């Protein structure tokens, strides 16, 4: 079996030949594989090892945002050409034994409301995660890769850079190209490479928790060989990953590639697709028998109705779930973490003047 091994005691900058942390078509592949081969990827955690089991909330002040998402790759898939559709089959995702969840000021869905740093360490064993920082909670595992993507073309790189600069100018949360802590550390990839926090047409940081073992992801190919990379393994996550982190961990990922020649161009497929033929997790967690839930609608704290604003509905459902967990004795930060790793944001309806969202949390994560 072919694969990419790494030394997790080192940061990506100390092993630049094993990966990258920017998207750019000029980053050379480090492995070539045949269609149908099984390929093993060893990956670092999303913070590139700068958070360790000994880290404290105080040490988070030294976090280096430019190092986020050390990707393992790229891998050149022989025969893949622009216009093809690359199928990635997830054969297994094997967790490391420790993980973490952070609340990082300035990031997350409620970054304007919750700004106190918080760090939860998770012990991973026997399919469960527990944390001394979030007592009374046990999270079931459903490991998946938060990032899976292919390289953009030069044209896509330029177009996406322009549209994100426009979004930034309109006051949105955007991380533009920045060479600080980039890998590669010099050249066009460092200067112009796209940051990995934003998902795009090439896949990337989609954080789709249904992409567990058995899932098949389909990505439009834009460069020869596709140049596939993966990273950001999660032991568990709720739909939404609201605090900006799941249960983050290093992992080993086993994949297999298949090329659907010309399918993306012929069928006009621009965005990623995925499918599976079995449960992505145990049914009792995908559709829990016992749960608590809150409902959100697009009315702000001043009583102003914002109509078809699903984002505000999700925000209100989340805020009410944090309040509910506070009634059970959890701090705001603990509740935010619980919601990020175990709560699912779901759309009720988008056909009425007030769109409805709900936040679902399984009761069975709580232990005596």
Foldseek 3Di string as FASTA:
>chain_A
DAEQDDDLVDFCVVVLLFFWFFFAPPDDWNEEDEAFDKYKYWAFWQQRNQDDPPDDLVSCVVRDVQSGWGKGTQYFYPPDAFLKKKKKAWAAKFFDQKFKDWQDAPDFLVNVPDGRIDMWIWGDDPQWTDTPSQPQFIHGFLKDFQFKFFHADPVVLVVVLVVQVVVVVVPDDADHQALVVTRVNDDCCSRRTGGQCDADLGTGRNRDSLSGHFKMKIGRAHHRRRRMITYNMAGFWAAPLGSSHARIGIIMTMIGMDIGPSCCVVVVPRHMDMDGDDGSDPVCQVPNPAKDKFKFWQADPVRDRPFQDVSRRQVRRLVVQLVVVVVVPDDSVSSSRLQGGFKYKDWPDRPDRITMIMIIGHPVRGHD
